[in-house]
Amino acid sequence: MKYALFTDGGARGNPGPAAAGVVLKDAKGNIVTELGMYLGTCTNNEAEYRALVYGLETAKRHGVSDISCFLDSELVVRQLNGQYKVKDANLRGFYTKVKELGLGFSSISYTHIFRSKNREADTVVNQVLDAENNE
């Protein structure tokens, strides 16, 4: 059964306070889990990668073997699909971690989607940042 992983990372400022949002869905589109994590201060691109790492680790804990990953970061998707080189040293480490995690799945794909199609993960990011801001 192929699962869908929707991830989003966002920073308020670049760099700035950042969070990750993860929504894992089963083949029927049912939400298996929805998680958010405060990341501290980082860039938008770092947050996007960290959200994907968090999402892939979460999928593994749920026993997922076949996964399609959906992100609204065109840069991250193009880097993971080999269309862009990873020039930034900080991003290279996250890229390597994602690729290593990907080896643990029978099948994995990375697809760019518009932010409007990634609302659930984006909402989680904003909830985490709003909660962190109110503390």
Protein backbone atom coordinates (compact mmCIF):
# COMPACT_ATOMS: atom_id res chain seq x y z
CA MET A 1 0.00 0.00 0.00
CA LYS A 2 1.52 3.33 -1.08
CA TYR A 3 1.42 6.11 1.47
CA ALA A 4 1.52 9.85 0.82
CA LEU A 5 3.75 12.08 2.90
CA PHE A 6 3.09 15.81 2.87
CA THR A 7 5.77 17.92 4.53
CA ASP A 8 6.36 21.61 4.94
CA GLY A 9 9.00 23.66 6.62
CA GLY A 10 8.75 27.34 7.28
CA ALA A 11 10.77 30.10 8.88
CA ARG A 12 9.50 33.50 9.89
CA GLY A 13 12.45 35.47 8.68
CA ASN A 14 15.22 33.85 6.70
CA PRO A 15 16.79 32.72 8.93
CA GLY A 16 14.27 32.94 11.73
CA PRO A 17 12.09 30.90 14.07
CA ALA A 18 11.18 27.77 12.13
CA ALA A 19 8.94 24.72 12.30
CA ALA A 20 8.23 21.49 10.45
CA GLY A 21 4.84 20.06 9.57
CA VAL A 22 4.19 16.43 8.61
CA VAL A 23 0.99 14.78 7.38
CA LEU A 24 1.12 11.06 6.56
CA LYS A 25 -1.83 9.58 4.66
CA ASP A 26 -2.66 6.02 3.70
CA ALA A 27 -3.60 4.90 0.18
CA LYS A 28 -7.24 5.91 0.76
CA GLY A 29 -6.28 9.43 1.77
CA ASN A 30 -6.95 8.95 5.48
CA ILE A 31 -4.62 10.81 7.82
CA VAL A 32 -2.42 8.30 9.67
CA THR A 33 -0.60 10.95 11.67
CA GLU A 34 -0.14 14.71 11.73
CA LEU A 35 2.86 16.12 13.57
CA GLY A 36 4.66 19.39 14.07
CA MET A 37 8.04 20.26 15.51
CA TYR A 38 9.66 23.53 16.49
CA LEU A 39 13.11 23.73 14.85
CA GLY A 40 14.62 26.83 16.46
CA THR A 41 16.31 29.32 14.14
CA CYS A 42 17.08 28.19 10.60
CA THR A 43 16.45 29.10 6.96
CA ASN A 44 13.35 28.18 4.95
CA ASN A 45 15.30 25.63 2.91
CA GLU A 46 16.76 24.00 6.02
CA ALA A 47 13.26 23.83 7.51
CA GLU A 48 11.95 22.16 4.34
CA TYR A 49 14.66 19.49 4.48
CA ARG A 50 14.25 18.97 8.23
CA ALA A 51 10.49 18.52 7.77
CA LEU A 52 11.11 15.84 5.16
CA VAL A 53 13.61 14.03 7.41
CA TYR A 54 11.09 14.16 10.27
CA GLY A 55 8.37 12.87 7.94
CA LEU A 56 10.43 9.98 6.60
CA GLU A 57 11.45 8.95 10.12
CA THR A 58 7.79 9.07 11.12
CA ALA A 59 6.76 6.95 8.12
CA LYS A 60 9.40 4.34 9.05
CA ARG A 61 8.04 4.18 12.62
CA HIS A 62 4.61 3.45 11.11
CA GLY A 63 6.03 0.58 9.07
CA VAL A 64 5.57 2.28 5.70
CA SER A 65 7.55 0.73 2.83
CA ASP A 66 6.15 2.49 -0.27
CA ILE A 67 5.89 6.26 -0.11
CA SER A 68 5.28 9.29 -2.29
CA CYS A 69 6.59 12.53 -0.79
CA PHE A 70 4.90 15.82 -1.63
CA LEU A 71 6.59 19.15 -0.88
CA ASP A 72 5.93 22.73 -1.90
CA SER A 73 9.68 23.43 -2.06
CA GLU A 74 10.64 23.22 -5.70
CA LEU A 75 14.32 23.59 -4.78
CA VAL A 76 14.34 20.57 -2.44
CA VAL A 77 12.39 18.38 -4.87
CA ARG A 78 14.67 19.28 -7.78
CA GLN A 79 17.75 18.61 -5.69
CA LEU A 80 16.44 15.21 -4.56
CA ASN A 81 15.47 14.29 -8.12
CA GLY A 82 18.95 15.21 -9.41
CA GLN A 83 17.86 18.23 -11.45
CA TYR A 84 19.76 20.73 -9.26
CA LYS A 85 23.08 20.35 -7.49
CA VAL A 86 23.21 20.87 -3.73
CA LYS A 87 25.69 23.72 -3.47
CA ASP A 88 24.94 24.89 0.08
CA ALA A 89 27.04 23.03 2.66
CA ASN A 90 24.28 23.11 5.30
CA LEU A 91 21.73 21.66 2.89
CA ARG A 92 24.14 18.95 1.72
CA GLY A 93 23.96 17.25 5.12
CA PHE A 94 20.16 17.22 5.07
CA TYR A 95 20.16 16.00 1.46
CA THR A 96 22.44 13.10 2.44
CA LYS A 97 20.21 12.23 5.41
CA VAL A 98 17.09 12.17 3.18
CA LYS A 99 18.84 9.96 0.63
CA GLU A 100 19.98 7.57 3.38
CA LEU A 101 16.47 7.38 4.84
CA GLY A 102 15.09 6.79 1.34
CA LEU A 103 17.14 3.60 1.04
CA GLY A 104 14.95 2.09 3.74
CA PHE A 105 11.84 2.22 1.56
CA SER A 106 10.87 -0.22 -1.22
CA SER A 107 9.83 2.75 -3.32
CA ILE A 108 10.06 6.47 -2.76
CA SER A 109 9.35 9.51 -4.91
CA TYR A 110 9.56 13.28 -4.46
CA THR A 111 6.99 15.52 -6.11
CA HIS A 112 6.62 19.30 -6.07
CA ILE A 113 3.12 20.54 -5.35
CA PHE A 114 1.72 24.03 -5.03
CA ARG A 115 1.26 25.42 -1.53
CA SER A 116 -2.52 25.30 -2.04
CA LYS A 117 -2.24 21.48 -2.27
CA ASN A 118 -0.11 21.36 0.89
CA ARG A 119 -2.42 23.25 3.23
CA GLU A 120 -2.55 20.59 5.95
CA ALA A 121 1.23 20.49 6.48
CA ASP A 122 1.44 24.29 6.15
CA THR A 123 -1.26 24.66 8.82
CA VAL A 124 0.75 22.46 11.20
CA VAL A 125 3.84 24.64 10.65
CA ASN A 126 1.92 27.80 11.45
CA GLN A 127 0.26 26.26 14.52
CA VAL A 128 3.68 25.31 15.92
CA LEU A 129 5.15 28.75 15.21
CA ASP A 130 2.11 30.53 16.69
CA ALA A 131 2.28 28.36 19.84
CA GLU A 132 6.02 28.98 20.19
CA ASN A 133 5.49 32.72 19.74
CA ASN A 134 2.87 32.80 22.52
CA GLU A 135 5.12 31.14 25.11
